[in-house]
Amino acid sequence: MSRIEREKTTVCKMIELYCRHHLGLQTVPEEYRRLADYACRRLDRCKFGEQKPACKDCPIHCYAPKERKAIRRIMRWAGPRMILYAPMDAIRHLLGK
């Protein structure tokens, strides 16, 4: 699996985790599905390709301000919890930096 594909999987898992445990929802609402789709499209179009840095360390911020704020909120909450719910993804993400 390529780095971009792994990052897409990770961001989708983070959004699902956020919705399920932080918001207390059983399914991912449409608003968050659109955010996941947006994040995946941004990853597909990343100018750095497989050599991309972590989005927070990237010199080019390709997210629109509204989406960037939402994804940062989700990642701040879900990031530390990924080690419990998706440990392999969390470790790969940390080592990929």
PDB file of N, CA and C in Angstrom:
ATOM      1  N   MET A   1       0.843  -1.177   0.000  1.00  0.00           N
ATOM      2  CA  MET A   1       0.000   0.000   0.000  1.00  0.00           C
ATOM      3  C   MET A   1       0.890   1.242   0.000  1.00  0.00           C
ATOM      4  N   SER A   2       0.558   2.204  -0.825  1.00  0.00           N
ATOM      5  CA  SER A   2       1.362   3.422  -0.923  1.00  0.00           C
ATOM      6  C   SER A   2       1.140   4.316   0.294  1.00  0.00           C
ATOM      7  N   ARG A   3       2.033   5.250   0.466  1.00  0.00           N
ATOM      8  CA  ARG A   3       1.928   6.182   1.593  1.00  0.00           C
ATOM      9  C   ARG A   3       0.632   6.986   1.519  1.00  0.00           C
ATOM     10  N   ILE A   4       0.267   7.426   0.323  1.00  0.00           N
ATOM     11  CA  ILE A   4      -0.959   8.208   0.147  1.00  0.00           C
ATOM     12  C   ILE A   4      -2.178   7.371   0.542  1.00  0.00           C
ATOM     13  N   GLU A   5      -2.213   6.123   0.116  1.00  0.00           N
ATOM     14  CA  GLU A   5      -3.330   5.241   0.461  1.00  0.00           C
ATOM     15  C   GLU A   5      -3.396   5.008   1.974  1.00  0.00           C
ATOM     16  N   ARG A   6      -2.241   4.831   2.611  1.00  0.00           N
ATOM     17  CA  ARG A   6      -2.207   4.656   4.069  1.00  0.00           C
ATOM     18  C   ARG A   6      -2.721   5.905   4.770  1.00  0.00           C
ATOM     19  N   GLU A   7      -2.332   7.072   4.276  1.00  0.00           N
ATOM     20  CA  GLU A   7      -2.791   8.322   4.889  1.00  0.00           C
ATOM     21  C   GLU A   7      -4.295   8.502   4.719  1.00  0.00           C
ATOM     22  N   LYS A   8      -4.821   8.107   3.567  1.00  0.00           N
ATOM     23  CA  LYS A   8      -6.273   8.177   3.356  1.00  0.00           C
ATOM     24  C   LYS A   8      -6.993   7.278   4.359  1.00  0.00           C
ATOM     25  N   THR A   9      -6.486   6.058   4.526  1.00  0.00           N
ATOM     26  CA  THR A   9      -7.081   5.118   5.465  1.00  0.00           C
ATOM     27  C   THR A   9      -7.026   5.675   6.888  1.00  0.00           C
ATOM     28  N   THR A  10      -5.895   6.252   7.250  1.00  0.00           N
ATOM     29  CA  THR A  10      -5.717   6.788   8.592  1.00  0.00           C
ATOM     30  C   THR A  10      -6.664   7.947   8.859  1.00  0.00           C
ATOM     31  N   VAL A  11      -6.769   8.877   7.922  1.00  0.00           N
ATOM     32  CA  VAL A  11      -7.648  10.037   8.141  1.00  0.00           C
ATOM     33  C   VAL A  11      -9.103   9.591   8.221  1.00  0.00           C
ATOM     34  N   CYS A  12      -9.495   8.627   7.433  1.00  0.00           N
ATOM     35  CA  CYS A  12     -10.872   8.113   7.505  1.00  0.00           C
ATOM     36  C   CYS A  12     -11.129   7.436   8.845  1.00  0.00           C
ATOM     37  N   LYS A  13     -10.151   6.682   9.350  1.00  0.00           N
ATOM     38  CA  LYS A  13     -10.304   6.039  10.659  1.00  0.00           C
ATOM     39  C   LYS A  13     -10.394   7.084  11.767  1.00  0.00           C
ATOM     40  N   MET A  14      -9.617   8.150  11.640  1.00  0.00           N
ATOM     41  CA  MET A  14      -9.657   9.215  12.648  1.00  0.00           C
ATOM     42  C   MET A  14     -11.028   9.886  12.666  1.00  0.00           C
ATOM     43  N   ILE A  15     -11.578  10.124  11.502  1.00  0.00           N
ATOM     44  CA  ILE A  15     -12.898  10.753  11.420  1.00  0.00           C
ATOM     45  C   ILE A  15     -13.957   9.821  12.006  1.00  0.00           C
ATOM     46  N   GLU A  16     -13.880   8.538  11.687  1.00  0.00           N
ATOM     47  CA  GLU A  16     -14.827   7.563  12.241  1.00  0.00           C
ATOM     48  C   GLU A  16     -14.711   7.491  13.766  1.00  0.00           C
ATOM     49  N   LEU A  17     -13.487   7.461  14.266  1.00  0.00           N
ATOM     50  CA  LEU A  17     -13.247   7.413  15.704  1.00  0.00           C
ATOM     51  C   LEU A  17     -13.814   8.651  16.386  1.00  0.00           C
ATOM     52  N   TYR A  18     -13.582   9.805  15.806  1.00  0.00           N
ATOM     53  CA  TYR A  18     -14.083  11.060  16.350  1.00  0.00           C
ATOM     54  C   TYR A  18     -15.611  11.047  16.427  1.00  0.00           C
ATOM     55  N   CYS A  19     -16.243  10.621  15.353  1.00  0.00           N
ATOM     56  CA  CYS A  19     -17.714  10.593  15.323  1.00  0.00           C
ATOM     57  C   CYS A  19     -18.275   9.580  16.316  1.00  0.00           C
ATOM     58  N   ARG A  20     -17.661   8.417  16.380  1.00  0.00           N
ATOM     59  CA  ARG A  20     -18.177   7.347  17.234  1.00  0.00           C
ATOM     60  C   ARG A  20     -17.978   7.643  18.719  1.00  0.00           C
ATOM     61  N   HIS A  21     -16.774   8.076  19.098  1.00  0.00           N
ATOM     62  CA  HIS A  21     -16.465   8.206  20.518  1.00  0.00           C
ATOM     63  C   HIS A  21     -16.603   9.617  21.059  1.00  0.00           C
ATOM     64  N   HIS A  22     -16.285  10.610  20.283  1.00  0.00           N
ATOM     65  CA  HIS A  22     -16.371  11.986  20.774  1.00  0.00           C
ATOM     66  C   HIS A  22     -17.782  12.541  20.607  1.00  0.00           C
ATOM     67  N   LEU A  23     -18.375  12.278  19.452  1.00  0.00           N
ATOM     68  CA  LEU A  23     -19.720  12.779  19.188  1.00  0.00           C
ATOM     69  C   LEU A  23     -20.801  11.795  19.622  1.00  0.00           C
ATOM     70  N   GLY A  24     -20.432  10.540  19.859  1.00  0.00           N
ATOM     71  CA  GLY A  24     -21.383   9.530  20.313  1.00  0.00           C
ATOM     72  C   GLY A  24     -22.344   9.062  19.227  1.00  0.00           C
ATOM     73  N   LEU A  25     -21.901   9.081  17.984  1.00  0.00           N
ATOM     74  CA  LEU A  25     -22.747   8.674  16.860  1.00  0.00           C
ATOM     75  C   LEU A  25     -22.343   7.288  16.377  1.00  0.00           C
ATOM     76  N   GLN A  26     -23.315   6.501  15.966  1.00  0.00           N
ATOM     77  CA  GLN A  26     -23.029   5.159  15.464  1.00  0.00           C
ATOM     78  C   GLN A  26     -22.555   5.172  14.016  1.00  0.00           C
ATOM     79  N   THR A  27     -23.026   6.145  13.253  1.00  0.00           N
ATOM     80  CA  THR A  27     -22.613   6.260  11.855  1.00  0.00           C
ATOM     81  C   THR A  27     -21.979   7.627  11.638  1.00  0.00           C
ATOM     82  N   VAL A  28     -21.188   7.725  10.595  1.00  0.00           N
ATOM     83  CA  VAL A  28     -20.525   8.986  10.262  1.00  0.00           C
ATOM     84  C   VAL A  28     -21.528   9.873   9.526  1.00  0.00           C
ATOM     85  N   PRO A  29     -21.816  11.060  10.058  1.00  0.00           N
ATOM     86  CA  PRO A  29     -22.762  11.954   9.392  1.00  0.00           C
ATOM     87  C   PRO A  29     -22.241  12.437   8.035  1.00  0.00           C
ATOM     88  N   GLU A  30     -23.146  12.892   7.222  1.00  0.00           N
ATOM     89  CA  GLU A  30     -22.805  13.356   5.869  1.00  0.00           C
ATOM     90  C   GLU A  30     -21.721  14.436   5.893  1.00  0.00           C
ATOM     91  N   GLU A  31     -21.800  15.355   6.834  1.00  0.00           N
ATOM     92  CA  GLU A  31     -20.804  16.435   6.935  1.00  0.00           C
ATOM     93  C   GLU A  31     -19.388  15.873   7.080  1.00  0.00           C
ATOM     94  N   TYR A  32     -19.257  14.840   7.886  1.00  0.00           N
ATOM     95  CA  TYR A  32     -17.942  14.246   8.119  1.00  0.00           C
ATOM     96  C   TYR A  32     -17.529  13.330   6.965  1.00  0.00           C
ATOM     97  N   ARG A  33     -18.499  12.719   6.299  1.00  0.00           N
ATOM     98  CA  ARG A  33     -18.171  11.937   5.090  1.00  0.00           C
ATOM     99  C   ARG A  33     -17.627  12.860   4.003  1.00  0.00           C
ATOM    100  N   ARG A  34     -18.236  14.037   3.884  1.00  0.00           N
ATOM    101  CA  ARG A  34     -17.734  15.006   2.898  1.00  0.00           C
ATOM    102  C   ARG A  34     -16.324  15.460   3.254  1.00  0.00           C
ATOM    103  N   LEU A  35     -16.056  15.647   4.544  1.00  0.00           N
ATOM    104  CA  LEU A  35     -14.720  16.039   4.986  1.00  0.00           C
ATOM    105  C   LEU A  35     -13.707  14.936   4.667  1.00  0.00           C
ATOM    106  N   ALA A  36     -14.081  13.679   4.880  1.00  0.00           N
ATOM    107  CA  ALA A  36     -13.193  12.557   4.558  1.00  0.00           C
ATOM    108  C   ALA A  36     -12.929  12.508   3.056  1.00  0.00           C
ATOM    109  N   ASP A  37     -13.961  12.706   2.247  1.00  0.00           N
ATOM    110  CA  ASP A  37     -13.792  12.726   0.792  1.00  0.00           C
ATOM    111  C   ASP A  37     -12.879  13.873   0.375  1.00  0.00           C
ATOM    112  N   TYR A  38     -13.066  15.023   1.004  1.00  0.00           N
ATOM    113  CA  TYR A  38     -12.237  16.200   0.710  1.00  0.00           C
ATOM    114  C   TYR A  38     -10.769  15.901   1.039  1.00  0.00           C
ATOM    115  N   ALA A  39     -10.535  15.316   2.203  1.00  0.00           N
ATOM    116  CA  ALA A  39      -9.167  14.989   2.613  1.00  0.00           C
ATOM    117  C   ALA A  39      -8.534  13.995   1.640  1.00  0.00           C
ATOM    118  N   CYS A  40      -9.300  13.020   1.188  1.00  0.00           N
ATOM    119  CA  CYS A  40      -8.779  12.036   0.235  1.00  0.00           C
ATOM    120  C   CYS A  40      -8.462  12.687  -1.108  1.00  0.00           C
ATOM    121  N   ARG A  41      -9.313  13.596  -1.548  1.00  0.00           N
ATOM    122  CA  ARG A  41      -9.028  14.310  -2.814  1.00  0.00           C
ATOM    123  C   ARG A  41      -7.771  15.154  -2.686  1.00  0.00           C
ATOM    124  N   ARG A  42      -7.594  15.793  -1.552  1.00  0.00           N
ATOM    125  CA  ARG A  42      -6.393  16.610  -1.327  1.00  0.00           C
ATOM    126  C   ARG A  42      -5.149  15.721  -1.344  1.00  0.00           C
ATOM    127  N   LEU A  43      -5.246  14.547  -0.736  1.00  0.00           N
ATOM    128  CA  LEU A  43      -4.106  13.629  -0.743  1.00  0.00           C
ATOM    129  C   LEU A  43      -3.806  13.127  -2.152  1.00  0.00           C
ATOM    130  N   ASP A  44      -4.843  12.857  -2.937  1.00  0.00           N
ATOM    131  CA  ASP A  44      -4.640  12.421  -4.322  1.00  0.00           C
ATOM    132  C   ASP A  44      -3.910  13.473  -5.145  1.00  0.00           C
ATOM    133  N   ARG A  45      -4.153  14.729  -4.835  1.00  0.00           N
ATOM    134  CA  ARG A  45      -3.584  15.829  -5.622  1.00  0.00           C
ATOM    135  C   ARG A  45      -2.338  16.446  -4.994  1.00  0.00           C
ATOM    136  N   CYS A  46      -1.818  15.833  -3.943  1.00  0.00           N
ATOM    137  CA  CYS A  46      -0.654  16.390  -3.253  1.00  0.00           C
ATOM    138  C   CYS A  46       0.517  16.505  -4.223  1.00  0.00           C
ATOM    139  N   LYS A  47       1.082  17.685  -4.286  1.00  0.00           N
ATOM    140  CA  LYS A  47       2.172  17.944  -5.222  1.00  0.00           C
ATOM    141  C   LYS A  47       3.441  17.169  -4.857  1.00  0.00           C
ATOM    142  N   PHE A  48       3.573  16.761  -3.609  1.00  0.00           N
ATOM    143  CA  PHE A  48       4.757  16.038  -3.163  1.00  0.00           C
ATOM    144  C   PHE A  48       4.649  14.527  -3.384  1.00  0.00           C
ATOM    145  N   GLY A  49       3.448  14.045  -3.657  1.00  0.00           N
ATOM    146  CA  GLY A  49       3.255  12.626  -3.933  1.00  0.00           C
ATOM    147  C   GLY A  49       3.689  11.755  -2.770  1.00  0.00           C
ATOM    148  N   GLU A  50       4.380  10.691  -3.078  1.00  0.00           N
ATOM    149  CA  GLU A  50       4.810   9.733  -2.052  1.00  0.00           C
ATOM    150  C   GLU A  50       5.860  10.313  -1.102  1.00  0.00           C
ATOM    151  N   GLN A  51       6.453  11.426  -1.444  1.00  0.00           N
ATOM    152  CA  GLN A  51       7.478  12.046  -0.596  1.00  0.00           C
ATOM    153  C   GLN A  51       6.899  13.121   0.313  1.00  0.00           C
ATOM    154  N   LYS A  52       5.580  13.182   0.402  1.00  0.00           N
ATOM    155  CA  LYS A  52       4.932  14.259   1.145  1.00  0.00           C
ATOM    156  C   LYS A  52       5.270  14.217   2.627  1.00  0.00           C
ATOM    157  N   PRO A  53       5.411  15.406   3.223  1.00  0.00           N
ATOM    158  CA  PRO A  53       5.579  15.465   4.674  1.00  0.00           C
ATOM    159  C   PRO A  53       4.207  15.348   5.337  1.00  0.00           C
ATOM    160  N   ALA A  54       4.194  15.291   6.651  1.00  0.00           N
ATOM    161  CA  ALA A  54       2.912  15.337   7.365  1.00  0.00           C
ATOM    162  C   ALA A  54       2.249  16.663   7.016  1.00  0.00           C
ATOM    163  N   CYS A  55       0.957  16.655   6.885  1.00  0.00           N
ATOM    164  CA  CYS A  55       0.247  17.862   6.450  1.00  0.00           C
ATOM    165  C   CYS A  55       0.546  19.066   7.343  1.00  0.00           C
ATOM    166  N   LYS A  56       0.665  18.836   8.644  1.00  0.00           N
ATOM    167  CA  LYS A  56       0.928  19.962   9.543  1.00  0.00           C
ATOM    168  C   LYS A  56       2.331  20.544   9.317  1.00  0.00           C
ATOM    169  N   ASP A  57       3.247  19.765   8.753  1.00  0.00           N
ATOM    170  CA  ASP A  57       4.608  20.232   8.498  1.00  0.00           C
ATOM    171  C   ASP A  57       4.820  20.694   7.065  1.00  0.00           C
ATOM    172  N   CYS A  58       3.787  20.619   6.255  1.00  0.00           N
ATOM    173  CA  CYS A  58       3.903  20.929   4.831  1.00  0.00           C
ATOM    174  C   CYS A  58       3.998  22.440   4.608  1.00  0.00           C
ATOM    175  N   PRO A  59       4.873  22.879   3.696  1.00  0.00           N
ATOM    176  CA  PRO A  59       4.977  24.305   3.401  1.00  0.00           C
ATOM    177  C   PRO A  59       3.791  24.837   2.587  1.00  0.00           C
ATOM    178  N   ILE A  60       3.031  23.936   1.973  1.00  0.00           N
ATOM    179  CA  ILE A  60       1.880  24.324   1.167  1.00  0.00           C
ATOM    180  C   ILE A  60       0.628  23.799   1.856  1.00  0.00           C
ATOM    181  N   HIS A  61      -0.247  24.708   2.276  1.00  0.00           N
ATOM    182  CA  HIS A  61      -1.492  24.278   2.928  1.00  0.00           C
ATOM    183  C   HIS A  61      -2.584  24.245   1.878  1.00  0.00           C
ATOM    184  N   CYS A  62      -2.938  23.049   1.454  1.00  0.00           N
ATOM    185  CA  CYS A  62      -3.874  22.885   0.347  1.00  0.00           C
ATOM    186  C   CYS A  62      -5.325  22.790   0.793  1.00  0.00           C
ATOM    187  N   TYR A  63      -5.583  22.742   2.108  1.00  0.00           N
ATOM    188  CA  TYR A  63      -6.961  22.696   2.600  1.00  0.00           C
ATOM    189  C   TYR A  63      -7.524  24.108   2.654  1.00  0.00           C
ATOM    190  N   ALA A  64      -8.811  24.227   2.373  1.00  0.00           N
ATOM    191  CA  ALA A  64      -9.517  25.491   2.571  1.00  0.00           C
ATOM    192  C   ALA A  64      -9.587  25.744   4.078  1.00  0.00           C
ATOM    193  N   PRO A  65      -9.665  26.998   4.509  1.00  0.00           N
ATOM    194  CA  PRO A  65      -9.640  27.290   5.953  1.00  0.00           C
ATOM    195  C   PRO A  65     -10.684  26.532   6.777  1.00  0.00           C
ATOM    196  N   LYS A  66     -11.897  26.426   6.289  1.00  0.00           N
ATOM    197  CA  LYS A  66     -12.952  25.736   7.049  1.00  0.00           C
ATOM    198  C   LYS A  66     -12.612  24.260   7.244  1.00  0.00           C
ATOM    199  N   GLU A  67     -12.183  23.597   6.178  1.00  0.00           N
ATOM    200  CA  GLU A  67     -11.841  22.180   6.252  1.00  0.00           C
ATOM    201  C   GLU A  67     -10.577  21.964   7.081  1.00  0.00           C
ATOM    202  N   ARG A  68      -9.635  22.871   6.962  1.00  0.00           N
ATOM    203  CA  ARG A  68      -8.397  22.747   7.736  1.00  0.00           C
ATOM    204  C   ARG A  68      -8.693  22.828   9.230  1.00  0.00           C
ATOM    205  N   LYS A  69      -9.555  23.752   9.611  1.00  0.00           N
ATOM    206  CA  LYS A  69      -9.924  23.889  11.017  1.00  0.00           C
ATOM    207  C   LYS A  69     -10.620  22.619  11.516  1.00  0.00           C
ATOM    208  N   ALA A  70     -11.527  22.072  10.714  1.00  0.00           N
ATOM    209  CA  ALA A  70     -12.260  20.868  11.109  1.00  0.00           C
ATOM    210  C   ALA A  70     -11.331  19.668  11.231  1.00  0.00           C
ATOM    211  N   ILE A  71     -10.442  19.473  10.269  1.00  0.00           N
ATOM    212  CA  ILE A  71      -9.567  18.299  10.296  1.00  0.00           C
ATOM    213  C   ILE A  71      -8.550  18.407  11.435  1.00  0.00           C
ATOM    214  N   ARG A  72      -8.105  19.606  11.735  1.00  0.00           N
ATOM    215  CA  ARG A  72      -7.182  19.793  12.864  1.00  0.00           C
ATOM    216  C   ARG A  72      -7.864  19.439  14.184  1.00  0.00           C
ATOM    217  N   ARG A  73      -9.123  19.854  14.336  1.00  0.00           N
ATOM    218  CA  ARG A  73      -9.883  19.545  15.550  1.00  0.00           C
ATOM    219  C   ARG A  73     -10.020  18.029  15.710  1.00  0.00           C
ATOM    220  N   ILE A  74     -10.345  17.364  14.613  1.00  0.00           N
ATOM    221  CA  ILE A  74     -10.519  15.910  14.637  1.00  0.00           C
ATOM    222  C   ILE A  74      -9.201  15.220  14.947  1.00  0.00           C
ATOM    223  N   MET A  75      -8.128  15.636  14.291  1.00  0.00           N
ATOM    224  CA  MET A  75      -6.828  14.983  14.494  1.00  0.00           C
ATOM    225  C   MET A  75      -6.291  15.215  15.898  1.00  0.00           C
ATOM    226  N   ARG A  76      -6.535  16.390  16.450  1.00  0.00           N
ATOM    227  CA  ARG A  76      -6.083  16.643  17.821  1.00  0.00           C
ATOM    228  C   ARG A  76      -6.779  15.722  18.811  1.00  0.00           C
ATOM    229  N   TRP A  77      -8.058  15.455  18.560  1.00  0.00           N
ATOM    230  CA  TRP A  77      -8.786  14.585  19.470  1.00  0.00           C
ATOM    231  C   TRP A  77      -8.456  13.118  19.199  1.00  0.00           C
ATOM    232  N   ALA A  78      -8.514  12.724  17.933  1.00  0.00           N
ATOM    233  CA  ALA A  78      -8.383  11.311  17.580  1.00  0.00           C
ATOM    234  C   ALA A  78      -6.942  10.816  17.581  1.00  0.00           C
ATOM    235  N   GLY A  79      -6.004  11.676  17.283  1.00  0.00           N
ATOM    236  CA  GLY A  79      -4.601  11.268  17.172  1.00  0.00           C
ATOM    237  C   GLY A  79      -4.090  10.471  18.360  1.00  0.00           C
ATOM    238  N   PRO A  80      -4.184  11.017  19.574  1.00  0.00           N
ATOM    239  CA  PRO A  80      -3.686  10.271  20.739  1.00  0.00           C
ATOM    240  C   PRO A  80      -4.450   8.977  21.002  1.00  0.00           C
ATOM    241  N   ARG A  81      -5.689   8.916  20.579  1.00  0.00           N
ATOM    242  CA  ARG A  81      -6.514   7.730  20.829  1.00  0.00           C
ATOM    243  C   ARG A  81      -6.306   6.633  19.788  1.00  0.00           C
ATOM    244  N   MET A  82      -5.666   6.965  18.690  1.00  0.00           N
ATOM    245  CA  MET A  82      -5.430   5.975  17.638  1.00  0.00           C
ATOM    246  C   MET A  82      -4.573   4.824  18.142  1.00  0.00           C
ATOM    247  N   ILE A  83      -3.701   5.089  19.098  1.00  0.00           N
ATOM    248  CA  ILE A  83      -2.832   4.025  19.615  1.00  0.00           C
ATOM    249  C   ILE A  83      -3.669   2.920  20.276  1.00  0.00           C
ATOM    250  N   LEU A  84      -4.853   3.267  20.795  1.00  0.00           N
ATOM    251  CA  LEU A  84      -5.739   2.271  21.404  1.00  0.00           C
ATOM    252  C   LEU A  84      -6.631   1.578  20.385  1.00  0.00           C
ATOM    253  N   TYR A  85      -7.128   2.332  19.395  1.00  0.00           N
ATOM    254  CA  TYR A  85      -8.131   1.809  18.479  1.00  0.00           C
ATOM    255  C   TYR A  85      -7.565   1.305  17.150  1.00  0.00           C
ATOM    256  N   ALA A  86      -6.429   1.828  16.756  1.00  0.00           N
ATOM    257  CA  ALA A  86      -5.779   1.383  15.518  1.00  0.00           C
ATOM    258  C   ALA A  86      -4.267   1.504  15.707  1.00  0.00           C
ATOM    259  N   PRO A  87      -3.700   0.657  16.569  1.00  0.00           N
ATOM    260  CA  PRO A  87      -2.292   0.816  16.931  1.00  0.00           C
ATOM    261  C   PRO A  87      -1.313   0.735  15.755  1.00  0.00           C
ATOM    262  N   MET A  88      -1.562  -0.143  14.814  1.00  0.00           N
ATOM    263  CA  MET A  88      -0.631  -0.260  13.677  1.00  0.00           C
ATOM    264  C   MET A  88      -0.646   1.010  12.827  1.00  0.00           C
ATOM    265  N   ASP A  89      -1.824   1.560  12.599  1.00  0.00           N
ATOM    266  CA  ASP A  89      -1.923   2.809  11.840  1.00  0.00           C
ATOM    267  C   ASP A  89      -1.228   3.944  12.585  1.00  0.00           C
ATOM    268  N   ALA A  90      -1.412   4.003  13.888  1.00  0.00           N
ATOM    269  CA  ALA A  90      -0.785   5.055  14.686  1.00  0.00           C
ATOM    270  C   ALA A  90       0.738   4.951  14.635  1.00  0.00           C
ATOM    271  N   ILE A  91       1.248   3.758  14.770  1.00  0.00           N
ATOM    272  CA  ILE A  91       2.698   3.562  14.745  1.00  0.00           C
ATOM    273  C   ILE A  91       3.263   3.904  13.368  1.00  0.00           C
ATOM    274  N   ARG A  92       2.592   3.440  12.312  1.00  0.00           N
ATOM    275  CA  ARG A  92       3.046   3.785  10.951  1.00  0.00           C
ATOM    276  C   ARG A  92       3.029   5.285  10.731  1.00  0.00           C
ATOM    277  N   HIS A  93       2.004   5.939  11.230  1.00  0.00           N
ATOM    278  CA  HIS A  93       1.895   7.391  11.070  1.00  0.00           C
ATOM    279  C   HIS A  93       3.034   8.098  11.793  1.00  0.00           C
ATOM    280  N   LEU A  94       3.330   7.651  13.030  1.00  0.00           N
ATOM    281  CA  LEU A  94       4.410   8.267  13.787  1.00  0.00           C
ATOM    282  C   LEU A  94       5.772   8.016  13.156  1.00  0.00           C
ATOM    283  N   LEU A  95       5.987   6.809  12.652  1.00  0.00           N
ATOM    284  CA  LEU A  95       7.273   6.487  12.029  1.00  0.00           C
ATOM    285  C   LEU A  95       7.420   7.164  10.666  1.00  0.00           C
ATOM    286  N   GLY A  96       6.305   7.467  10.027  1.00  0.00           N
ATOM    287  CA  GLY A  96       6.330   8.098   8.717  1.00  0.00           C
ATOM    288  C   GLY A  96       6.738   9.555   8.736  1.00  0.00           C
ATOM    289  N   LYS A  97       6.745  10.156   9.916  1.00  0.00           N
ATOM    290  CA  LYS A  97       7.125  11.562  10.022  1.00  0.00           C
ATOM    291  C   LYS A  97       8.581  11.643   9.822  1.00  0.00           C
TER     292      LYS A  97
END
